[in-house]
């Protein structure tokens, strides 16, 4: 298995699934068009940071990020976002 380790101040974030998913006639997921994907997810990998920017995030942190943040890539069959730590707006703590 290939390890994916982000460089410098980058993180990999697994986005939360879209709200309002329903299953159609053939078992395919259908989305409610009026709802957008939430800008929240779970950190799955973190870089080592830089001397100027130590990493403030850890694996399994829940985060909220900007609407247009990150580059979407496929890792192990899942869509994840590669973004700079500065694109993360906040950690989500608690329920």
C-alpha atoms as a PDB file:
ATOM      1  CA  UNK A   1       0.000   0.000   0.000  1.00  0.00           C
ATOM      2  CA  UNK A   2       1.273   3.471  -0.885  1.00  0.00           C
ATOM      3  CA  UNK A   3       1.469   5.980   1.954  1.00  0.00           C
ATOM      4  CA  UNK A   4       0.337   9.510   1.138  1.00  0.00           C
ATOM      5  CA  UNK A   5       2.240  12.049   3.216  1.00  0.00           C
ATOM      6  CA  UNK A   6       1.431  15.693   2.481  1.00  0.00           C
ATOM      7  CA  UNK A   7       4.396  18.052   2.173  1.00  0.00           C
ATOM      8  CA  UNK A   8       5.101  21.062   4.374  1.00  0.00           C
ATOM      9  CA  UNK A   9       1.879  22.663   5.696  1.00  0.00           C
ATOM     10  CA  UNK A  10      -0.565  20.605   3.630  1.00  0.00           C
ATOM     11  CA  UNK A  11      -3.268  18.273   4.941  1.00  0.00           C
ATOM     12  CA  UNK A  12      -5.489  15.608   3.387  1.00  0.00           C
ATOM     13  CA  UNK A  13      -9.144  16.000   4.358  1.00  0.00           C
ATOM     14  CA  UNK A  14     -11.869  13.407   3.768  1.00  0.00           C
ATOM     15  CA  UNK A  15     -14.994  15.518   3.144  1.00  0.00           C
ATOM     16  CA  UNK A  16     -18.215  14.635   4.913  1.00  0.00           C
ATOM     17  CA  UNK A  17     -20.841  13.092   2.611  1.00  0.00           C
ATOM     18  CA  UNK A  18     -23.355  15.480   1.018  1.00  0.00           C
ATOM     19  CA  UNK A  19     -26.519  16.187   2.975  1.00  0.00           C
ATOM     20  CA  UNK A  20     -29.803  14.733   1.781  1.00  0.00           C
ATOM     21  CA  UNK A  21     -28.562  11.566   0.079  1.00  0.00           C
ATOM     22  CA  UNK A  22     -31.314   9.209  -1.005  1.00  0.00           C
ATOM     23  CA  UNK A  23     -31.151   5.869  -2.773  1.00  0.00           C
ATOM     24  CA  UNK A  24     -32.820   5.679  -6.170  1.00  0.00           C
ATOM     25  CA  UNK A  25     -34.533   2.767  -7.940  1.00  0.00           C
ATOM     26  CA  UNK A  26     -31.305   1.075  -9.021  1.00  0.00           C
ATOM     27  CA  UNK A  27     -29.393   1.544  -5.786  1.00  0.00           C
ATOM     28  CA  UNK A  28     -27.683   4.705  -7.025  1.00  0.00           C
ATOM     29  CA  UNK A  29     -27.307   7.690  -4.738  1.00  0.00           C
ATOM     30  CA  UNK A  30     -29.337  10.735  -5.703  1.00  0.00           C
ATOM     31  CA  UNK A  31     -28.614  14.148  -4.202  1.00  0.00           C
ATOM     32  CA  UNK A  32     -31.106  16.870  -3.458  1.00  0.00           C
ATOM     33  CA  UNK A  33     -30.012  19.543  -5.911  1.00  0.00           C
ATOM     34  CA  UNK A  34     -30.857  22.389  -3.542  1.00  0.00           C
ATOM     35  CA  UNK A  35     -28.304  21.255  -0.953  1.00  0.00           C
ATOM     36  CA  UNK A  36     -24.571  21.727  -1.277  1.00  0.00           C
ATOM     37  CA  UNK A  37     -21.772  19.589   0.068  1.00  0.00           C
ATOM     38  CA  UNK A  38     -20.879  20.703   3.597  1.00  0.00           C
ATOM     39  CA  UNK A  39     -17.420  22.214   3.967  1.00  0.00           C
ATOM     40  CA  UNK A  40     -16.518  19.909   6.835  1.00  0.00           C
ATOM     41  CA  UNK A  41     -14.465  16.769   7.006  1.00  0.00           C
ATOM     42  CA  UNK A  42     -11.886  14.682   8.804  1.00  0.00           C
ATOM     43  CA  UNK A  43      -8.120  15.113   8.535  1.00  0.00           C
ATOM     44  CA  UNK A  44      -6.596  11.835   7.289  1.00  0.00           C
ATOM     45  CA  UNK A  45      -2.943  12.931   6.886  1.00  0.00           C
ATOM     46  CA  UNK A  46      -0.804  15.944   7.811  1.00  0.00           C
ATOM     47  CA  UNK A  47       2.527  17.304   6.630  1.00  0.00           C
ATOM     48  CA  UNK A  48       5.435  18.138   8.909  1.00  0.00           C
ATOM     49  CA  UNK A  49       4.895  21.902   8.751  1.00  0.00           C
ATOM     50  CA  UNK A  50       7.582  24.510   8.192  1.00  0.00           C
ATOM     51  CA  UNK A  51       9.773  26.431  10.634  1.00  0.00           C
ATOM     52  CA  UNK A  52       7.452  29.421  10.170  1.00  0.00           C
ATOM     53  CA  UNK A  53       4.222  27.367  10.346  1.00  0.00           C
ATOM     54  CA  UNK A  54       4.175  24.441  12.780  1.00  0.00           C
ATOM     55  CA  UNK A  55       1.260  22.087  12.200  1.00  0.00           C
ATOM     56  CA  UNK A  56      -1.757  22.775  14.395  1.00  0.00           C
ATOM     57  CA  UNK A  57      -3.787  19.862  13.029  1.00  0.00           C
ATOM     58  CA  UNK A  58      -3.571  16.130  13.660  1.00  0.00           C
ATOM     59  CA  UNK A  59      -5.009  13.045  12.006  1.00  0.00           C
ATOM     60  CA  UNK A  60      -8.694  12.515  12.957  1.00  0.00           C
ATOM     61  CA  UNK A  61      -9.299  16.221  13.697  1.00  0.00           C
ATOM     62  CA  UNK A  62     -12.713  17.370  12.459  1.00  0.00           C
ATOM     63  CA  UNK A  63     -12.395  20.612  10.496  1.00  0.00           C
ATOM     64  CA  UNK A  64     -14.322  23.229   8.552  1.00  0.00           C
ATOM     65  CA  UNK A  65     -12.693  24.652   5.414  1.00  0.00           C
ATOM     66  CA  UNK A  66     -13.447  27.289   2.788  1.00  0.00           C
ATOM     67  CA  UNK A  67     -15.897  26.529  -0.005  1.00  0.00           C
ATOM     68  CA  UNK A  68     -13.263  26.623  -2.748  1.00  0.00           C
ATOM     69  CA  UNK A  69     -10.388  25.213  -0.693  1.00  0.00           C
ATOM     70  CA  UNK A  70      -8.190  22.362  -1.750  1.00  0.00           C
ATOM     71  CA  UNK A  71      -7.569  20.191  -4.747  1.00  0.00           C
ATOM     72  CA  UNK A  72      -9.730  17.093  -5.102  1.00  0.00           C
ATOM     73  CA  UNK A  73      -7.811  13.828  -5.630  1.00  0.00           C
ATOM     74  CA  UNK A  74      -8.763  10.153  -5.405  1.00  0.00           C
ATOM     75  CA  UNK A  75      -7.010   8.078  -2.762  1.00  0.00           C
ATOM     76  CA  UNK A  76      -7.887   4.403  -2.310  1.00  0.00           C
ATOM     77  CA  UNK A  77     -11.174   4.947  -4.162  1.00  0.00           C
ATOM     78  CA  UNK A  78     -12.247   7.912  -2.020  1.00  0.00           C
ATOM     79  CA  UNK A  79     -12.301  11.598  -2.901  1.00  0.00           C
ATOM     80  CA  UNK A  80     -10.066  13.605  -0.571  1.00  0.00           C
ATOM     81  CA  UNK A  81      -8.983  17.225  -0.601  1.00  0.00           C
ATOM     82  CA  UNK A  82      -5.358  18.338  -0.466  1.00  0.00           C
ATOM     83  CA  UNK A  83      -5.159  21.804   1.070  1.00  0.00           C
ATOM     84  CA  UNK A  84      -2.843  24.063   2.991  1.00  0.00           C
ATOM     85  CA  UNK A  85      -3.382  24.267   6.731  1.00  0.00           C
ATOM     86  CA  UNK A  86      -4.241  27.959   6.236  1.00  0.00           C
ATOM     87  CA  UNK A  87      -7.298  26.959   4.162  1.00  0.00           C
ATOM     88  CA  UNK A  88      -8.781  25.280   7.245  1.00  0.00           C
ATOM     89  CA  UNK A  89     -11.046  27.783   8.975  1.00  0.00           C
ATOM     90  CA  UNK A  90     -11.493  25.971  12.298  1.00  0.00           C
ATOM     91  CA  UNK A  91     -11.342  22.716  14.228  1.00  0.00           C
ATOM     92  CA  UNK A  92     -14.674  21.224  15.243  1.00  0.00           C
ATOM     93  CA  UNK A  93     -14.533  19.952  18.815  1.00  0.00           C
ATOM     94  CA  UNK A  94     -17.301  18.046  20.607  1.00  0.00           C
ATOM     95  CA  UNK A  95     -20.557  16.777  19.154  1.00  0.00           C
END
